[in-house]
């Protein structure tokens, strides 16, 4: 995910620490895994994804 963010002009260092950790854990391959992992807390993952979306939306609003 970090590469995708960097392609959009957002450097890894621009992310708050918790979002940096979240982005570092994400991989493209995860999207195509046909089985959900029983060891992942999906509520926490969703909350992190939503927090990242809010951060990115805020950054985009500042660019306007």
C-alpha atoms as a PDB file:
ATOM      1  CA  UNK A   1       0.000   0.000   0.000  1.00  0.00           C
ATOM      2  CA  UNK A   2       2.892   2.351   0.684  1.00  0.00           C
ATOM      3  CA  UNK A   3       3.881   2.274  -3.000  1.00  0.00           C
ATOM      4  CA  UNK A   4       0.340   3.161  -4.031  1.00  0.00           C
ATOM      5  CA  UNK A   5       0.296   6.082  -1.600  1.00  0.00           C
ATOM      6  CA  UNK A   6       3.669   7.269  -2.857  1.00  0.00           C
ATOM      7  CA  UNK A   7       2.382   7.103  -6.440  1.00  0.00           C
ATOM      8  CA  UNK A   8      -0.345   9.498  -5.263  1.00  0.00           C
ATOM      9  CA  UNK A   9       2.213  11.886  -3.789  1.00  0.00           C
ATOM     10  CA  UNK A  10       1.866  10.860  -0.150  1.00  0.00           C
ATOM     11  CA  UNK A  11       5.139   9.798   1.372  1.00  0.00           C
ATOM     12  CA  UNK A  12       5.302   7.139   4.062  1.00  0.00           C
ATOM     13  CA  UNK A  13       6.719   9.766   6.426  1.00  0.00           C
ATOM     14  CA  UNK A  14       3.586  11.900   5.870  1.00  0.00           C
ATOM     15  CA  UNK A  15       1.430   9.300   7.596  1.00  0.00           C
ATOM     16  CA  UNK A  16       0.848   9.331  11.343  1.00  0.00           C
ATOM     17  CA  UNK A  17       2.619   6.403  13.038  1.00  0.00           C
ATOM     18  CA  UNK A  18      -0.472   4.192  13.442  1.00  0.00           C
ATOM     19  CA  UNK A  19      -1.447   4.641   9.789  1.00  0.00           C
ATOM     20  CA  UNK A  20       2.153   4.001   8.701  1.00  0.00           C
ATOM     21  CA  UNK A  21       2.078   0.666  10.562  1.00  0.00           C
ATOM     22  CA  UNK A  22      -1.284  -0.187   8.968  1.00  0.00           C
ATOM     23  CA  UNK A  23      -0.075   0.732   5.455  1.00  0.00           C
ATOM     24  CA  UNK A  24       3.122  -1.264   5.914  1.00  0.00           C
ATOM     25  CA  UNK A  25       1.086  -4.405   6.697  1.00  0.00           C
ATOM     26  CA  UNK A  26      -1.089  -4.151   3.586  1.00  0.00           C
ATOM     27  CA  UNK A  27      -0.103  -6.066   0.469  1.00  0.00           C
ATOM     28  CA  UNK A  28      -1.740  -6.449  -2.927  1.00  0.00           C
ATOM     29  CA  UNK A  29      -1.806 -10.213  -2.443  1.00  0.00           C
ATOM     30  CA  UNK A  30      -4.094  -9.828   0.582  1.00  0.00           C
ATOM     31  CA  UNK A  31      -6.828  -8.603  -1.720  1.00  0.00           C
ATOM     32  CA  UNK A  32      -6.829 -11.856  -3.659  1.00  0.00           C
ATOM     33  CA  UNK A  33      -6.644 -14.291  -0.753  1.00  0.00           C
ATOM     34  CA  UNK A  34      -9.763 -16.478  -1.088  1.00  0.00           C
ATOM     35  CA  UNK A  35      -9.856 -17.308   2.643  1.00  0.00           C
ATOM     36  CA  UNK A  36     -10.225 -14.870   5.509  1.00  0.00           C
ATOM     37  CA  UNK A  37      -7.539 -15.305   8.140  1.00  0.00           C
ATOM     38  CA  UNK A  38      -8.879 -16.340  11.552  1.00  0.00           C
ATOM     39  CA  UNK A  39      -6.015 -14.437  13.242  1.00  0.00           C
ATOM     40  CA  UNK A  40      -6.954 -10.989  11.919  1.00  0.00           C
ATOM     41  CA  UNK A  41      -9.215  -8.661  13.900  1.00  0.00           C
ATOM     42  CA  UNK A  42     -11.338  -7.400  11.026  1.00  0.00           C
ATOM     43  CA  UNK A  43     -13.087  -4.727  13.091  1.00  0.00           C
ATOM     44  CA  UNK A  44      -9.703  -3.175  13.857  1.00  0.00           C
ATOM     45  CA  UNK A  45      -8.647  -3.496  10.223  1.00  0.00           C
ATOM     46  CA  UNK A  46     -11.832  -1.758   9.077  1.00  0.00           C
ATOM     47  CA  UNK A  47     -11.351   1.033  11.622  1.00  0.00           C
ATOM     48  CA  UNK A  48      -7.774   1.542  10.398  1.00  0.00           C
ATOM     49  CA  UNK A  49      -8.898   1.623   6.771  1.00  0.00           C
ATOM     50  CA  UNK A  50     -11.555   4.198   7.638  1.00  0.00           C
ATOM     51  CA  UNK A  51      -9.003   6.295   9.518  1.00  0.00           C
ATOM     52  CA  UNK A  52      -6.674   6.181   6.515  1.00  0.00           C
ATOM     53  CA  UNK A  53      -9.557   7.222   4.240  1.00  0.00           C
ATOM     54  CA  UNK A  54     -10.311  10.205   6.520  1.00  0.00           C
ATOM     55  CA  UNK A  55      -6.629  11.190   6.535  1.00  0.00           C
ATOM     56  CA  UNK A  56      -6.444  11.021   2.737  1.00  0.00           C
ATOM     57  CA  UNK A  57      -9.713  12.951   2.322  1.00  0.00           C
ATOM     58  CA  UNK A  58      -8.370  15.671   4.616  1.00  0.00           C
ATOM     59  CA  UNK A  59      -5.133  15.866   2.608  1.00  0.00           C
ATOM     60  CA  UNK A  60      -7.101  16.127  -0.652  1.00  0.00           C
ATOM     61  CA  UNK A  61      -9.291  18.922   0.722  1.00  0.00           C
ATOM     62  CA  UNK A  62      -6.153  20.885   1.637  1.00  0.00           C
ATOM     63  CA  UNK A  63      -4.928  20.642  -1.966  1.00  0.00           C
ATOM     64  CA  UNK A  64      -7.980  22.409  -3.385  1.00  0.00           C
END
